[in-house]
C-alpha atoms as a PDB file:
ATOM      1  CA  MET A   1     -10.893  25.619 -41.256  1.00  0.00           C
ATOM      2  CA  PRO A   2      -7.788  26.757 -39.325  1.00  0.00           C
ATOM      3  CA  PHE A   3      -7.142  25.490 -35.795  1.00  0.00           C
ATOM      4  CA  ALA A   4      -5.344  27.222 -32.931  1.00  0.00           C
ATOM      5  CA  CYS A   5      -3.678  25.527 -29.980  1.00  0.00           C
ATOM      6  CA  LEU A   6      -5.544  25.919 -26.683  1.00  0.00           C
ATOM      7  CA  ALA A   7      -3.129  23.923 -24.553  1.00  0.00           C
ATOM      8  CA  GLU A   8      -0.082  21.780 -25.102  1.00  0.00           C
ATOM      9  CA  ALA A   9       1.836  19.678 -22.605  1.00  0.00           C
ATOM     10  CA  SER A  10       4.165  16.746 -22.278  1.00  0.00           C
ATOM     11  CA  HIS A  11       4.467  13.967 -19.750  1.00  0.00           C
ATOM     12  CA  CYS A  12       7.151  11.420 -18.996  1.00  0.00           C
ATOM     13  CA  CYS A  13       7.059   8.382 -16.757  1.00  0.00           C
ATOM     14  CA  THR A  14       9.334   5.471 -16.034  1.00  0.00           C
ATOM     15  CA  VAL A  15       8.089   1.935 -15.587  1.00  0.00           C
ATOM     16  CA  ALA A  16      10.475   0.033 -13.327  1.00  0.00           C
ATOM     17  CA  LEU A  17      10.982  -3.580 -14.414  1.00  0.00           C
ATOM     18  CA  PRO A  18      13.467  -5.395 -12.160  1.00  0.00           C
ATOM     19  CA  GLY A  19      15.313  -8.018 -14.148  1.00  0.00           C
ATOM     20  CA  GLY A  20      14.160  -6.593 -17.464  1.00  0.00           C
ATOM     21  CA  GLU A  21      16.966  -6.717 -19.989  1.00  0.00           C
ATOM     22  CA  LYS A  22      16.856  -4.062 -22.670  1.00  0.00           C
ATOM     23  CA  ALA A  23      17.050  -6.633 -25.503  1.00  0.00           C
ATOM     24  CA  VAL A  24      14.102  -8.604 -24.078  1.00  0.00           C
ATOM     25  CA  LEU A  25      12.008  -5.444 -23.665  1.00  0.00           C
ATOM     26  CA  ARG A  26      12.947  -4.328 -27.163  1.00  0.00           C
ATOM     27  CA  ARG A  27      11.555  -7.585 -28.617  1.00  0.00           C
ATOM     28  CA  PHE A  28       8.268  -6.924 -26.801  1.00  0.00           C
ATOM     29  CA  PHE A  29       7.884  -3.445 -28.319  1.00  0.00           C
ATOM     30  CA  GLN A  30       8.878  -4.498 -31.819  1.00  0.00           C
ATOM     31  CA  ARG A  31       5.364  -5.945 -32.214  1.00  0.00           C
ATOM     32  CA  PRO A  32       3.016  -2.932 -32.083  1.00  0.00           C
ATOM     33  CA  LYS A  33      -0.135  -5.037 -31.707  1.00  0.00           C
ATOM     34  CA  ARG A  34       1.272  -6.790 -28.635  1.00  0.00           C
ATOM     35  CA  SER A  35       2.353  -3.465 -27.145  1.00  0.00           C
ATOM     36  CA  MET A  36      -0.974  -1.741 -27.788  1.00  0.00           C
ATOM     37  CA  ALA A  37      -2.921  -4.700 -26.351  1.00  0.00           C
ATOM     38  CA  ALA A  38      -0.891  -4.310 -23.134  1.00  0.00           C
ATOM     39  CA  LEU A  39      -1.356  -0.553 -22.983  1.00  0.00           C
ATOM     40  CA  LEU A  40      -5.037  -0.271 -23.988  1.00  0.00           C
ATOM     41  CA  THR A  41      -8.253  -2.160 -23.313  1.00  0.00           C
ATOM     42  CA  ARG A  42      -8.388  -4.852 -25.994  1.00  0.00           C
ATOM     43  CA  GLN A  43     -12.191  -4.791 -26.235  1.00  0.00           C
ATOM     44  CA  ARG A  44     -12.093  -1.112 -27.206  1.00  0.00           C
ATOM     45  CA  MET A  45      -9.314  -1.525 -29.769  1.00  0.00           C
ATOM     46  CA  ASP A  46      -9.723  -2.526 -33.404  1.00  0.00           C
ATOM     47  CA  CYS A  47      -6.555  -3.474 -35.267  1.00  0.00           C
ATOM     48  CA  LYS A  48      -6.725  -2.044 -38.792  1.00  0.00           C
ATOM     49  CA  GLY A  49      -3.494  -3.684 -39.965  1.00  0.00           C
ATOM     50  CA  ASP A  50      -0.153  -2.175 -40.922  1.00  0.00           C
ATOM     51  CA  GLY A  51       0.368  -0.876 -37.368  1.00  0.00           C
ATOM     52  CA  ARG A  52      -2.834   1.193 -37.373  1.00  0.00           C
ATOM     53  CA  PHE A  53      -5.484   0.968 -34.666  1.00  0.00           C
ATOM     54  CA  LEU A  54      -8.891   2.447 -33.911  1.00  0.00           C
ATOM     55  CA  TYR A  55      -9.506   2.931 -30.197  1.00  0.00           C
ATOM     56  CA  ALA A  56     -12.723   4.005 -28.470  1.00  0.00           C
ATOM     57  CA  SER A  57     -11.716   5.431 -25.112  1.00  0.00           C
ATOM     58  CA  ARG A  58     -13.764   5.087 -21.957  1.00  0.00           C
ATOM     59  CA  PRO A  59     -15.885   8.220 -21.397  1.00  0.00           C
ATOM     60  CA  PHE A  60     -14.885  10.885 -18.881  1.00  0.00           C
ATOM     61  CA  GLN A  61     -16.561  13.985 -17.480  1.00  0.00           C
ATOM     62  CA  ILE A  62     -15.597  17.622 -18.040  1.00  0.00           C
ATOM     63  CA  LEU A  63     -18.174  20.067 -16.748  1.00  0.00           C
ATOM     64  CA  ARG A  64     -21.550  18.624 -17.728  1.00  0.00           C
ATOM     65  CA  PHE A  65     -20.212  16.843 -20.814  1.00  0.00           C
ATOM     66  CA  GLU A  66     -19.537  13.126 -21.032  1.00  0.00           C
ATOM     67  CA  ILE A  67     -16.681  13.036 -23.489  1.00  0.00           C
ATOM     68  CA  ARG A  68     -15.964   9.866 -25.464  1.00  0.00           C
ATOM     69  CA  PRO A  69     -12.787  10.124 -27.529  1.00  0.00           C
ATOM     70  CA  GLU A  70     -12.226   7.818 -30.469  1.00  0.00           C
ATOM     71  CA  VAL A  71      -8.748   7.751 -31.962  1.00  0.00           C
ATOM     72  CA  LEU A  72      -7.146   6.384 -35.101  1.00  0.00           C
ATOM     73  CA  PHE A  73      -3.420   6.021 -34.496  1.00  0.00           C
ATOM     74  CA  ALA A  74      -0.331   4.374 -35.900  1.00  0.00           C
ATOM     75  CA  ALA A  75       2.291   2.536 -33.871  1.00  0.00           C
ATOM     76  CA  HIS A  76       5.607   1.267 -35.166  1.00  0.00           C
ATOM     77  CA  TRP A  77       9.060   0.356 -33.934  1.00  0.00           C
ATOM     78  CA  SER A  78      11.699   2.921 -34.869  1.00  0.00           C
ATOM     79  CA  ASP A  79      15.341   1.898 -35.053  1.00  0.00           C
ATOM     80  CA  GLN A  80      16.246   5.579 -35.149  1.00  0.00           C
ATOM     81  CA  SER A  81      14.556   6.480 -31.837  1.00  0.00           C
ATOM     82  CA  GLN A  82      15.086   2.954 -30.436  1.00  0.00           C
ATOM     83  CA  GLY A  83      11.483   2.774 -29.305  1.00  0.00           C
ATOM     84  CA  LEU A  84       7.850   2.301 -30.181  1.00  0.00           C
ATOM     85  CA  GLU A  85       6.496   5.475 -31.773  1.00  0.00           C
ATOM     86  CA  ILE A  86       2.778   6.192 -31.506  1.00  0.00           C
ATOM     87  CA  ALA A  87       1.095   9.026 -33.410  1.00  0.00           C
ATOM     88  CA  PHE A  88      -2.551  10.007 -33.646  1.00  0.00           C
ATOM     89  CA  GLU A  89      -3.776  10.202 -37.226  1.00  0.00           C
ATOM     90  CA  ASP A  90      -7.305  11.327 -36.413  1.00  0.00           C
ATOM     91  CA  CYS A  91      -9.412  11.914 -33.329  1.00  0.00           C
ATOM     92  CA  TRP A  92     -13.137  12.316 -32.803  1.00  0.00           C
ATOM     93  CA  ILE A  93     -14.414  13.727 -29.526  1.00  0.00           C
ATOM     94  CA  HIS A  94     -17.990  12.523 -29.146  1.00  0.00           C
ATOM     95  CA  GLY A  95     -20.300  14.022 -26.548  1.00  0.00           C
ATOM     96  CA  LEU A  96     -19.835  17.726 -27.226  1.00  0.00           C
ATOM     97  CA  GLY A  97     -22.828  18.113 -29.501  1.00  0.00           C
ATOM     98  CA  ALA A  98     -22.384  20.694 -32.258  1.00  0.00           C
ATOM     99  CA  MET A  99     -18.959  21.630 -30.872  1.00  0.00           C
ATOM    100  CA  GLN A 100     -17.349  18.225 -31.284  1.00  0.00           C
ATOM    101  CA  ASN A 101     -16.022  18.972 -34.777  1.00  0.00           C
ATOM    102  CA  ALA A 102     -14.457  22.207 -33.555  1.00  0.00           C
ATOM    103  CA  ILE A 103     -12.073  20.553 -31.075  1.00  0.00           C
ATOM    104  CA  ARG A 104      -9.202  18.240 -31.922  1.00  0.00           C
ATOM    105  CA  PHE A 105      -6.783  16.341 -29.818  1.00  0.00           C
ATOM    106  CA  GLU A 106      -3.269  15.628 -31.072  1.00  0.00           C
ATOM    107  CA  CYS A 107      -0.802  13.254 -29.466  1.00  0.00           C
ATOM    108  CA  THR A 108       2.521  11.555 -30.064  1.00  0.00           C
ATOM    109  CA  ALA A 109       4.243   9.119 -27.733  1.00  0.00           C
ATOM    110  CA  LEU A 110       7.473   7.190 -27.542  1.00  0.00           C
ATOM    111  CA  LEU A 111       8.057   4.064 -25.432  1.00  0.00           C
ATOM    112  CA  VAL A 112      11.782   3.375 -25.060  1.00  0.00           C
ATOM    113  CA  PRO A 113      13.064   0.155 -23.506  1.00  0.00           C
ATOM    114  CA  LYS A 114      15.901   0.670 -21.035  1.00  0.00           C
ATOM    115  CA  GLN A 115      17.821  -1.713 -18.835  1.00  0.00           C
ATOM    116  CA  GLU A 116      15.303  -2.731 -16.118  1.00  0.00           C
ATOM    117  CA  GLY A 117      12.615  -0.352 -17.281  1.00  0.00           C
ATOM    118  CA  VAL A 118      10.758   1.575 -19.931  1.00  0.00           C
ATOM    119  CA  GLU A 119      10.628   5.317 -20.408  1.00  0.00           C
ATOM    120  CA  ALA A 120       7.329   6.613 -21.746  1.00  0.00           C
ATOM    121  CA  GLN A 121       7.155  10.120 -23.199  1.00  0.00           C
ATOM    122  CA  ALA A 122       4.001  11.755 -24.528  1.00  0.00           C
ATOM    123  CA  ARG A 123       3.256  15.146 -26.031  1.00  0.00           C
ATOM    124  CA  ALA A 124      -0.340  16.236 -26.521  1.00  0.00           C
ATOM    125  CA  ALA A 125      -2.313  19.290 -27.575  1.00  0.00           C
ATOM    126  CA  VAL A 126      -5.922  20.423 -27.651  1.00  0.00           C
ATOM    127  CA  VAL A 127      -6.690  22.624 -30.657  1.00  0.00           C
ATOM    128  CA  LEU A 128      -9.804  24.638 -31.450  1.00  0.00           C
ATOM    129  CA  SER A 129     -11.279  25.696 -34.768  1.00  0.00           C
ATOM    130  CA  SER A 130     -11.165  29.463 -35.274  1.00  0.00           C
ATOM    131  CA  ASP A 131     -14.832  29.473 -36.313  1.00  0.00           C
ATOM    132  CA  SER A 132     -16.048  27.533 -33.274  1.00  0.00           C
ATOM    133  CA  PRO A 133     -18.768  28.952 -31.005  1.00  0.00           C
ATOM    134  CA  LEU A 134     -16.325  28.293 -28.139  1.00  0.00           C
ATOM    135  CA  ILE A 135     -14.275  31.276 -29.340  1.00  0.00           C
ATOM    136  CA  ALA A 136     -16.877  33.413 -27.524  1.00  0.00           C
ATOM    137  CA  LEU A 137     -15.732  31.968 -24.178  1.00  0.00           C
ATOM    138  CA  PRO A 138     -12.988  33.862 -22.349  1.00  0.00           C
ATOM    139  CA  ASN A 139      -9.541  32.679 -23.412  1.00  0.00           C
ATOM    140  CA  GLY A 140      -8.583  31.818 -19.817  1.00  0.00           C
ATOM    141  CA  LEU A 141     -11.586  29.536 -19.404  1.00  0.00           C
ATOM    142  CA  ARG A 142     -10.938  27.775 -22.730  1.00  0.00           C
ATOM    143  CA  ARG A 143      -7.299  27.257 -21.792  1.00  0.00           C
ATOM    144  CA  ARG A 144      -8.165  25.896 -18.305  1.00  0.00           C
ATOM    145  CA  LEU A 145     -10.651  23.423 -19.778  1.00  0.00           C
ATOM    146  CA  ALA A 146      -8.104  22.244 -22.356  1.00  0.00           C
ATOM    147  CA  GLU A 147      -5.389  21.935 -19.699  1.00  0.00           C
ATOM    148  CA  ARG A 148      -7.762  19.896 -17.514  1.00  0.00           C
ATOM    149  CA  ALA A 149      -8.474  17.580 -20.442  1.00  0.00           C
ATOM    150  CA  LEU A 150      -4.725  17.061 -20.946  1.00  0.00           C
ATOM    151  CA  GLN A 151      -4.254  16.357 -17.220  1.00  0.00           C
ATOM    152  CA  LEU A 152      -6.926  13.652 -17.427  1.00  0.00           C
ATOM    153  CA  VAL A 153      -5.297  12.133 -20.508  1.00  0.00           C
ATOM    154  CA  PHE A 154      -1.844  12.063 -18.906  1.00  0.00           C
ATOM    155  CA  ALA A 155      -3.223  10.612 -15.648  1.00  0.00           C
ATOM    156  CA  ARG A 156      -4.879   7.829 -17.641  1.00  0.00           C
ATOM    157  CA  LEU A 157      -1.670   7.222 -19.613  1.00  0.00           C
ATOM    158  CA  GLU A 158       0.331   6.995 -16.379  1.00  0.00           C
ATOM    159  CA  ARG A 159      -2.139   4.450 -14.931  1.00  0.00           C
ATOM    160  CA  ARG A 160      -2.000   2.364 -18.089  1.00  0.00           C
ATOM    161  CA  CYS A 161       1.798   2.371 -18.143  1.00  0.00           C
ATOM    162  CA  GLN A 162       2.079   1.450 -14.451  1.00  0.00           C
ATOM    163  CA  GLY A 163      -0.792  -1.055 -14.702  1.00  0.00           C
ATOM    164  CA  GLY A 164      -1.484  -3.157 -17.790  1.00  0.00           C
ATOM    165  CA  LEU A 165       1.757  -2.391 -19.619  1.00  0.00           C
ATOM    166  CA  LYS A 166       3.866  -3.179 -16.563  1.00  0.00           C
ATOM    167  CA  ARG A 167       1.996  -6.460 -15.925  1.00  0.00           C
ATOM    168  CA  ALA A 168       2.418  -7.535 -19.557  1.00  0.00           C
ATOM    169  CA  LEU A 169       6.109  -6.667 -19.515  1.00  0.00           C
ATOM    170  CA  LEU A 170       6.741  -8.501 -16.225  1.00  0.00           C
ATOM    171  CA  ASN A 171       5.002 -11.571 -17.699  1.00  0.00           C
ATOM    172  CA  TRP A 172       7.112 -11.226 -20.844  1.00  0.00           C
ATOM    173  CA  ILE A 173      10.305 -11.026 -18.763  1.00  0.00           C
ATOM    174  CA  ALA A 174       9.290 -14.098 -16.728  1.00  0.00           C
ATOM    175  CA  GLU A 175       8.437 -16.081 -19.868  1.00  0.00           C
ATOM    176  CA  ASP A 176      11.757 -15.100 -21.427  1.00  0.00           C
ATOM    177  CA  ALA A 177      13.624 -16.205 -18.298  1.00  0.00           C
ATOM    178  CA  MET A 178      11.906 -19.612 -18.513  1.00  0.00           C
ATOM    179  CA  GLY A 179      12.657 -19.808 -22.244  1.00  0.00           C
ATOM    180  CA  CYS A 180       9.014 -20.142 -23.266  1.00  0.00           C
ATOM    181  CA  ILE A 181       8.497 -17.036 -25.398  1.00  0.00           C
ATOM    182  CA  ASP A 182       7.196 -17.618 -28.878  1.00  0.00           C
ATOM    183  CA  ARG A 183       8.998 -14.792 -30.676  1.00  0.00           C
ATOM    184  CA  ASN A 184       6.373 -14.630 -33.420  1.00  0.00           C
ATOM    185  CA  ARG A 185       3.269 -14.211 -31.259  1.00  0.00           C
ATOM    186  CA  GLU A 186       1.501 -10.868 -31.215  1.00  0.00           C
ATOM    187  CA  SER A 187       0.255 -10.825 -27.610  1.00  0.00           C
END
């Protein structure tokens, strides 16, 4: 069944990390499991091996629906982009009843260590099956709902970057400064 894009957007944020040397931050991101554990809630994440993860997101409300995304994604360090690349492989949006198979969410992200910080870039889209009952809704309404969903996703990503990821990175920087980092540990 063919899918058409309802909304697409990108978001960028910078996480300031005073004293964070690029080489130290790079070592942190070269272990995808460690990076994902800092960015996401560990209890909702299942490591599938080979840099692949299954994540059950916390539910959120859109209209009268309680939407519970579940995502299978891959994360790996890329020497070419000099950052941690994250790409959704599959996404299930639970809570939409019969319509949940008609909507898909696509996302890619890149976390790039910089001197004294990290730049996080994400690009996401909401796509709709052409044979979905939602096609009957006015295009403007469908687009607004999809754009609102993307706003919620980017707001959550921003909070995670400025919260858990920043705390983990500041701890990593402090441990490196004291010389007590075990370079082989995952988290």
